[in-house]
């Protein structure tokens, strides 16, 4: 029996588009492993357009790969899939692959799902600064729902975690954090002290800006 799918060695971007038109999700998932980065990129793009949750795990495998073009395409596709991709992405945050962790943070920052808050707060204690920075950015985008967990993180014994927490709280700019940030200005870690002062100033400016806009 002959297969209706083209020979993988002769696949073209036109063939990938045809699979998309036929809603052949399994075929598109298969081409995420294609040696041609353009084919891989197109497959990821179409899977994102379809938004099928079945594509989340295969796309995450691309995210863990070494092809930067493929990783970027997978990240965009996962963002479009949205909520169904959140739990698998949270698992990536626990991965030893730092590059994959950072890509997961990029996608979670875009999706803004509060389910990721706990894992992102945990990422604030990572040994790699790029992972910590990605966690801060993602928490800032999630916003208000991350405030209380971040306030709790200000009590962490690890100064790096406290530093990340003050940075994220400053980025969010929620007045609920003022009391905790004020306490952080007397932290034993000078970096946390400075970070808390900067965060409070950001919140003050945000309040002033809102007052000016409402006047």
C-alpha atoms as a PDB file:
ATOM      1  CA  UNK A   1       0.000   0.000   0.000  1.00  0.00           C
ATOM      2  CA  UNK A   2       1.394   3.385  -1.029  1.00  0.00           C
ATOM      3  CA  UNK A   3       1.629   6.258   1.461  1.00  0.00           C
ATOM      4  CA  UNK A   4      -0.089   9.531   0.584  1.00  0.00           C
ATOM      5  CA  UNK A   5       2.775  11.411   2.235  1.00  0.00           C
ATOM      6  CA  UNK A   6       5.799  12.568   0.233  1.00  0.00           C
ATOM      7  CA  UNK A   7       9.207  10.940   0.539  1.00  0.00           C
ATOM      8  CA  UNK A   8      10.959  12.635   3.495  1.00  0.00           C
ATOM      9  CA  UNK A   9      14.113  13.023   1.416  1.00  0.00           C
ATOM     10  CA  UNK A  10      12.204  15.005  -1.208  1.00  0.00           C
ATOM     11  CA  UNK A  11       9.983  17.058   1.104  1.00  0.00           C
ATOM     12  CA  UNK A  12       9.552  20.742   0.286  1.00  0.00           C
ATOM     13  CA  UNK A  13       7.925  23.700   1.986  1.00  0.00           C
ATOM     14  CA  UNK A  14       5.024  23.266  -0.446  1.00  0.00           C
ATOM     15  CA  UNK A  15       4.507  19.714   0.859  1.00  0.00           C
ATOM     16  CA  UNK A  16       4.460  21.010   4.433  1.00  0.00           C
ATOM     17  CA  UNK A  17       1.833  23.575   3.509  1.00  0.00           C
ATOM     18  CA  UNK A  18      -0.236  20.833   1.891  1.00  0.00           C
ATOM     19  CA  UNK A  19      -0.157  18.883   5.142  1.00  0.00           C
ATOM     20  CA  UNK A  20      -1.411  21.962   6.943  1.00  0.00           C
ATOM     21  CA  UNK A  21      -4.294  22.298   4.491  1.00  0.00           C
ATOM     22  CA  UNK A  22      -5.187  18.668   5.099  1.00  0.00           C
ATOM     23  CA  UNK A  23      -4.933  19.240   8.880  1.00  0.00           C
ATOM     24  CA  UNK A  24      -2.373  16.424   9.035  1.00  0.00           C
ATOM     25  CA  UNK A  25      -1.034  17.149  12.484  1.00  0.00           C
ATOM     26  CA  UNK A  26       0.853  13.866  12.782  1.00  0.00           C
ATOM     27  CA  UNK A  27       2.617  14.535   9.500  1.00  0.00           C
ATOM     28  CA  UNK A  28       3.601  18.033  10.610  1.00  0.00           C
ATOM     29  CA  UNK A  29       4.845  16.735  13.950  1.00  0.00           C
ATOM     30  CA  UNK A  30       6.981  14.227  12.083  1.00  0.00           C
ATOM     31  CA  UNK A  31       8.654  16.971  10.094  1.00  0.00           C
ATOM     32  CA  UNK A  32       9.742  18.748  13.270  1.00  0.00           C
ATOM     33  CA  UNK A  33      12.607  16.230  13.153  1.00  0.00           C
ATOM     34  CA  UNK A  34      13.512  16.978   9.540  1.00  0.00           C
ATOM     35  CA  UNK A  35      17.187  17.702   8.888  1.00  0.00           C
ATOM     36  CA  UNK A  36      16.282  20.784   6.823  1.00  0.00           C
ATOM     37  CA  UNK A  37      15.812  23.694   9.234  1.00  0.00           C
ATOM     38  CA  UNK A  38      13.459  25.441   6.786  1.00  0.00           C
ATOM     39  CA  UNK A  39      11.153  22.415   6.747  1.00  0.00           C
ATOM     40  CA  UNK A  40      11.323  22.209  10.530  1.00  0.00           C
ATOM     41  CA  UNK A  41      10.533  25.908  10.807  1.00  0.00           C
ATOM     42  CA  UNK A  42       7.535  25.652   8.477  1.00  0.00           C
ATOM     43  CA  UNK A  43       6.182  22.614  10.316  1.00  0.00           C
ATOM     44  CA  UNK A  44       6.407  24.481  13.625  1.00  0.00           C
ATOM     45  CA  UNK A  45       4.735  27.534  12.125  1.00  0.00           C
ATOM     46  CA  UNK A  46       1.783  25.564  10.821  1.00  0.00           C
ATOM     47  CA  UNK A  47       1.427  23.619  14.076  1.00  0.00           C
ATOM     48  CA  UNK A  48       1.217  26.929  15.900  1.00  0.00           C
ATOM     49  CA  UNK A  49      -1.452  28.106  13.489  1.00  0.00           C
ATOM     50  CA  UNK A  50      -3.436  24.932  14.144  1.00  0.00           C
ATOM     51  CA  UNK A  51      -3.112  25.388  17.913  1.00  0.00           C
ATOM     52  CA  UNK A  52      -3.579  21.676  18.604  1.00  0.00           C
ATOM     53  CA  UNK A  53      -2.435  20.674  22.131  1.00  0.00           C
ATOM     54  CA  UNK A  54      -1.030  17.415  20.729  1.00  0.00           C
ATOM     55  CA  UNK A  55       1.800  19.423  19.216  1.00  0.00           C
ATOM     56  CA  UNK A  56       2.956  20.876  22.561  1.00  0.00           C
ATOM     57  CA  UNK A  57       5.281  18.048  23.632  1.00  0.00           C
ATOM     58  CA  UNK A  58       6.907  17.590  20.194  1.00  0.00           C
ATOM     59  CA  UNK A  59       7.483  21.340  19.959  1.00  0.00           C
ATOM     60  CA  UNK A  60       9.079  21.326  23.395  1.00  0.00           C
ATOM     61  CA  UNK A  61      11.506  18.673  22.145  1.00  0.00           C
ATOM     62  CA  UNK A  62      12.513  21.134  19.419  1.00  0.00           C
ATOM     63  CA  UNK A  63      12.889  23.784  22.107  1.00  0.00           C
ATOM     64  CA  UNK A  64      15.417  21.471  23.791  1.00  0.00           C
ATOM     65  CA  UNK A  65      17.383  21.015  20.583  1.00  0.00           C
ATOM     66  CA  UNK A  66      20.398  22.870  19.248  1.00  0.00           C
ATOM     67  CA  UNK A  67      18.865  24.461  16.142  1.00  0.00           C
ATOM     68  CA  UNK A  68      18.297  28.117  17.047  1.00  0.00           C
ATOM     69  CA  UNK A  69      15.939  28.725  14.129  1.00  0.00           C
ATOM     70  CA  UNK A  70      13.923  25.672  15.124  1.00  0.00           C
ATOM     71  CA  UNK A  71      13.868  26.765  18.759  1.00  0.00           C
ATOM     72  CA  UNK A  72      12.580  30.221  17.864  1.00  0.00           C
ATOM     73  CA  UNK A  73       9.875  28.739  15.614  1.00  0.00           C
ATOM     74  CA  UNK A  74       8.854  26.258  18.303  1.00  0.00           C
ATOM     75  CA  UNK A  75       8.630  29.072  20.870  1.00  0.00           C
ATOM     76  CA  UNK A  76       6.265  31.064  18.658  1.00  0.00           C
ATOM     77  CA  UNK A  77       4.153  27.959  18.003  1.00  0.00           C
ATOM     78  CA  UNK A  78       3.931  27.122  21.707  1.00  0.00           C
ATOM     79  CA  UNK A  79       2.843  30.670  22.467  1.00  0.00           C
ATOM     80  CA  UNK A  80      -0.014  30.258  19.976  1.00  0.00           C
ATOM     81  CA  UNK A  81      -1.021  26.921  21.511  1.00  0.00           C
ATOM     82  CA  UNK A  82      -1.211  28.782  24.817  1.00  0.00           C
ATOM     83  CA  UNK A  83      -2.677  27.257  27.980  1.00  0.00           C
ATOM     84  CA  UNK A  84      -2.275  23.572  26.998  1.00  0.00           C
ATOM     85  CA  UNK A  85       1.472  24.162  26.656  1.00  0.00           C
ATOM     86  CA  UNK A  86       1.922  25.641  30.136  1.00  0.00           C
ATOM     87  CA  UNK A  87       2.356  22.459  32.190  1.00  0.00           C
ATOM     88  CA  UNK A  88       4.919  20.938  29.789  1.00  0.00           C
ATOM     89  CA  UNK A  89       6.789  24.261  29.785  1.00  0.00           C
ATOM     90  CA  UNK A  90       6.824  24.290  33.584  1.00  0.00           C
ATOM     91  CA  UNK A  91       8.522  20.894  33.466  1.00  0.00           C
ATOM     92  CA  UNK A  92      11.198  22.370  31.184  1.00  0.00           C
ATOM     93  CA  UNK A  93      11.998  24.921  33.914  1.00  0.00           C
ATOM     94  CA  UNK A  94      13.166  21.964  36.013  1.00  0.00           C
ATOM     95  CA  UNK A  95      15.396  20.729  33.185  1.00  0.00           C
ATOM     96  CA  UNK A  96      19.192  20.815  33.445  1.00  0.00           C
ATOM     97  CA  UNK A  97      19.404  22.311  29.963  1.00  0.00           C
ATOM     98  CA  UNK A  98      19.791  26.043  30.679  1.00  0.00           C
ATOM     99  CA  UNK A  99      19.116  27.023  27.088  1.00  0.00           C
ATOM    100  CA  UNK A 100      15.814  25.145  27.137  1.00  0.00           C
ATOM    101  CA  UNK A 101      14.922  26.774  30.464  1.00  0.00           C
ATOM    102  CA  UNK A 102      15.421  30.239  29.010  1.00  0.00           C
ATOM    103  CA  UNK A 103      13.291  29.423  25.964  1.00  0.00           C
ATOM    104  CA  UNK A 104      10.555  28.094  28.269  1.00  0.00           C
ATOM    105  CA  UNK A 105      10.651  31.354  30.223  1.00  0.00           C
ATOM    106  CA  UNK A 106      10.320  33.329  26.991  1.00  0.00           C
ATOM    107  CA  UNK A 107       7.165  31.415  26.065  1.00  0.00           C
ATOM    108  CA  UNK A 108       5.688  31.569  29.573  1.00  0.00           C
ATOM    109  CA  UNK A 109       6.287  35.325  29.583  1.00  0.00           C
ATOM    110  CA  UNK A 110       4.139  35.560  26.473  1.00  0.00           C
ATOM    111  CA  UNK A 111       1.371  33.232  27.675  1.00  0.00           C
ATOM    112  CA  UNK A 112       1.155  34.927  31.113  1.00  0.00           C
ATOM    113  CA  UNK A 113      -0.466  31.958  32.843  1.00  0.00           C
ATOM    114  CA  UNK A 114      -0.433  32.154  36.672  1.00  0.00           C
ATOM    115  CA  UNK A 115       0.148  28.402  36.919  1.00  0.00           C
ATOM    116  CA  UNK A 116       3.778  29.113  36.089  1.00  0.00           C
ATOM    117  CA  UNK A 117       4.363  31.476  39.021  1.00  0.00           C
ATOM    118  CA  UNK A 118       5.606  28.903  41.530  1.00  0.00           C
ATOM    119  CA  UNK A 119       8.079  27.367  39.094  1.00  0.00           C
ATOM    120  CA  UNK A 120       9.301  30.793  37.991  1.00  0.00           C
ATOM    121  CA  UNK A 121       9.870  31.862  41.601  1.00  0.00           C
ATOM    122  CA  UNK A 122      11.899  28.680  42.065  1.00  0.00           C
ATOM    123  CA  UNK A 123      13.908  29.631  38.973  1.00  0.00           C
ATOM    124  CA  UNK A 124      15.031  32.774  40.798  1.00  0.00           C
ATOM    125  CA  UNK A 125      17.467  30.569  42.715  1.00  0.00           C
ATOM    126  CA  UNK A 126      19.104  29.141  39.602  1.00  0.00           C
ATOM    127  CA  UNK A 127      22.896  29.388  39.423  1.00  0.00           C
ATOM    128  CA  UNK A 128      22.764  30.902  35.935  1.00  0.00           C
ATOM    129  CA  UNK A 129      22.017  34.633  35.814  1.00  0.00           C
ATOM    130  CA  UNK A 130      20.347  34.347  32.406  1.00  0.00           C
ATOM    131  CA  UNK A 131      17.801  31.889  33.831  1.00  0.00           C
ATOM    132  CA  UNK A 132      17.136  34.156  36.811  1.00  0.00           C
ATOM    133  CA  UNK A 133      16.683  37.167  34.534  1.00  0.00           C
ATOM    134  CA  UNK A 134      14.250  35.234  32.353  1.00  0.00           C
ATOM    135  CA  UNK A 135      12.224  34.300  35.410  1.00  0.00           C
ATOM    136  CA  UNK A 136      12.044  37.938  36.527  1.00  0.00           C
ATOM    137  CA  UNK A 137      10.846  39.028  33.083  1.00  0.00           C
ATOM    138  CA  UNK A 138       8.184  36.323  32.984  1.00  0.00           C
ATOM    139  CA  UNK A 139       6.925  37.135  36.480  1.00  0.00           C
ATOM    140  CA  UNK A 140       6.700  40.818  35.565  1.00  0.00           C
ATOM    141  CA  UNK A 141       4.491  39.943  32.610  1.00  0.00           C
ATOM    142  CA  UNK A 142       2.232  37.676  34.675  1.00  0.00           C
ATOM    143  CA  UNK A 143       1.773  40.670  36.951  1.00  0.00           C
ATOM    144  CA  UNK A 144      -0.625  40.913  39.861  1.00  0.00           C
ATOM    145  CA  UNK A 145      -1.109  37.189  40.399  1.00  0.00           C
ATOM    146  CA  UNK A 146       2.625  36.845  41.037  1.00  0.00           C
ATOM    147  CA  UNK A 147       2.764  39.524  43.741  1.00  0.00           C
ATOM    148  CA  UNK A 148       1.953  37.455  46.834  1.00  0.00           C
ATOM    149  CA  UNK A 149       4.352  34.602  45.981  1.00  0.00           C
ATOM    150  CA  UNK A 150       7.070  37.190  45.307  1.00  0.00           C
ATOM    151  CA  UNK A 151       6.422  38.900  48.624  1.00  0.00           C
ATOM    152  CA  UNK A 152       6.925  35.516  50.284  1.00  0.00           C
ATOM    153  CA  UNK A 153      10.131  35.082  48.294  1.00  0.00           C
ATOM    154  CA  UNK A 154      11.503  38.216  49.988  1.00  0.00           C
ATOM    155  CA  UNK A 155      11.775  36.058  53.133  1.00  0.00           C
ATOM    156  CA  UNK A 156      13.905  33.429  51.411  1.00  0.00           C
ATOM    157  CA  UNK A 157      17.302  32.797  53.013  1.00  0.00           C
ATOM    158  CA  UNK A 158      18.948  32.942  49.596  1.00  0.00           C
ATOM    159  CA  UNK A 159      19.930  36.521  48.751  1.00  0.00           C
ATOM    160  CA  UNK A 160      19.797  35.788  45.017  1.00  0.00           C
ATOM    161  CA  UNK A 161      16.133  34.814  45.351  1.00  0.00           C
ATOM    162  CA  UNK A 162      15.368  37.988  47.312  1.00  0.00           C
ATOM    163  CA  UNK A 163      17.176  40.056  44.701  1.00  0.00           C
ATOM    164  CA  UNK A 164      15.104  38.508  41.919  1.00  0.00           C
ATOM    165  CA  UNK A 165      11.929  39.061  43.907  1.00  0.00           C
ATOM    166  CA  UNK A 166      12.543  42.788  44.418  1.00  0.00           C
ATOM    167  CA  UNK A 167      13.339  43.171  40.721  1.00  0.00           C
ATOM    168  CA  UNK A 168      10.132  41.432  39.702  1.00  0.00           C
ATOM    169  CA  UNK A 169       8.017  43.358  42.201  1.00  0.00           C
ATOM    170  CA  UNK A 170       9.455  46.610  40.915  1.00  0.00           C
ATOM    171  CA  UNK A 171       8.636  45.580  37.382  1.00  0.00           C
ATOM    172  CA  UNK A 172       5.069  44.694  38.300  1.00  0.00           C
ATOM    173  CA  UNK A 173       4.595  47.933  40.234  1.00  0.00           C
ATOM    174  CA  UNK A 174       1.806  46.740  42.528  1.00  0.00           C
ATOM    175  CA  UNK A 175       1.204  48.815  45.668  1.00  0.00           C
ATOM    176  CA  UNK A 176       0.597  45.637  47.684  1.00  0.00           C
ATOM    177  CA  UNK A 177       4.358  45.117  47.641  1.00  0.00           C
ATOM    178  CA  UNK A 178       5.244  48.464  49.237  1.00  0.00           C
ATOM    179  CA  UNK A 179       5.332  47.267  52.849  1.00  0.00           C
ATOM    180  CA  UNK A 180       7.451  44.206  52.059  1.00  0.00           C
ATOM    181  CA  UNK A 181       9.787  46.202  49.839  1.00  0.00           C
ATOM    182  CA  UNK A 182      10.193  48.824  52.560  1.00  0.00           C
ATOM    183  CA  UNK A 183      11.298  46.043  54.908  1.00  0.00           C
ATOM    184  CA  UNK A 184      13.703  44.846  52.228  1.00  0.00           C
ATOM    185  CA  UNK A 185      15.503  48.204  52.287  1.00  0.00           C
ATOM    186  CA  UNK A 186      17.175  47.041  55.496  1.00  0.00           C
ATOM    187  CA  UNK A 187      18.121  43.641  54.094  1.00  0.00           C
ATOM    188  CA  UNK A 188      21.562  42.348  55.051  1.00  0.00           C
ATOM    189  CA  UNK A 189      22.412  41.975  51.368  1.00  0.00           C
ATOM    190  CA  UNK A 190      23.298  45.379  49.916  1.00  0.00           C
ATOM    191  CA  UNK A 191      22.149  44.273  46.445  1.00  0.00           C
ATOM    192  CA  UNK A 192      18.691  43.550  47.828  1.00  0.00           C
ATOM    193  CA  UNK A 193      18.645  46.902  49.646  1.00  0.00           C
ATOM    194  CA  UNK A 194      19.420  48.780  46.449  1.00  0.00           C
ATOM    195  CA  UNK A 195      16.996  46.648  44.455  1.00  0.00           C
ATOM    196  CA  UNK A 196      14.217  47.350  46.955  1.00  0.00           C
ATOM    197  CA  UNK A 197      14.841  51.108  46.782  1.00  0.00           C
ATOM    198  CA  UNK A 198      14.710  50.982  42.985  1.00  0.00           C
ATOM    199  CA  UNK A 199      11.506  48.918  43.094  1.00  0.00           C
ATOM    200  CA  UNK A 200       9.840  51.372  45.485  1.00  0.00           C
ATOM    201  CA  UNK A 201      10.795  54.250  43.232  1.00  0.00           C
ATOM    202  CA  UNK A 202       9.237  52.462  40.251  1.00  0.00           C
ATOM    203  CA  UNK A 203       6.020  51.943  42.186  1.00  0.00           C
ATOM    204  CA  UNK A 204       6.019  55.576  43.319  1.00  0.00           C
ATOM    205  CA  UNK A 205       6.376  56.736  39.729  1.00  0.00           C
ATOM    206  CA  UNK A 206       3.615  54.423  38.592  1.00  0.00           C
ATOM    207  CA  UNK A 207       1.264  55.804  41.268  1.00  0.00           C
ATOM    208  CA  UNK A 208       2.171  59.371  40.292  1.00  0.00           C
ATOM    209  CA  UNK A 209       1.592  58.584  36.624  1.00  0.00           C
ATOM    210  CA  UNK A 210      -1.838  57.137  37.332  1.00  0.00           C
ATOM    211  CA  UNK A 211      -2.741  60.154  39.445  1.00  0.00           C
ATOM    212  CA  UNK A 212      -1.639  62.464  36.632  1.00  0.00           C
ATOM    213  CA  UNK A 213      -3.684  60.570  34.060  1.00  0.00           C
ATOM    214  CA  UNK A 214      -6.819  60.671  36.197  1.00  0.00           C
ATOM    215  CA  UNK A 215      -6.512  64.386  36.955  1.00  0.00           C
END
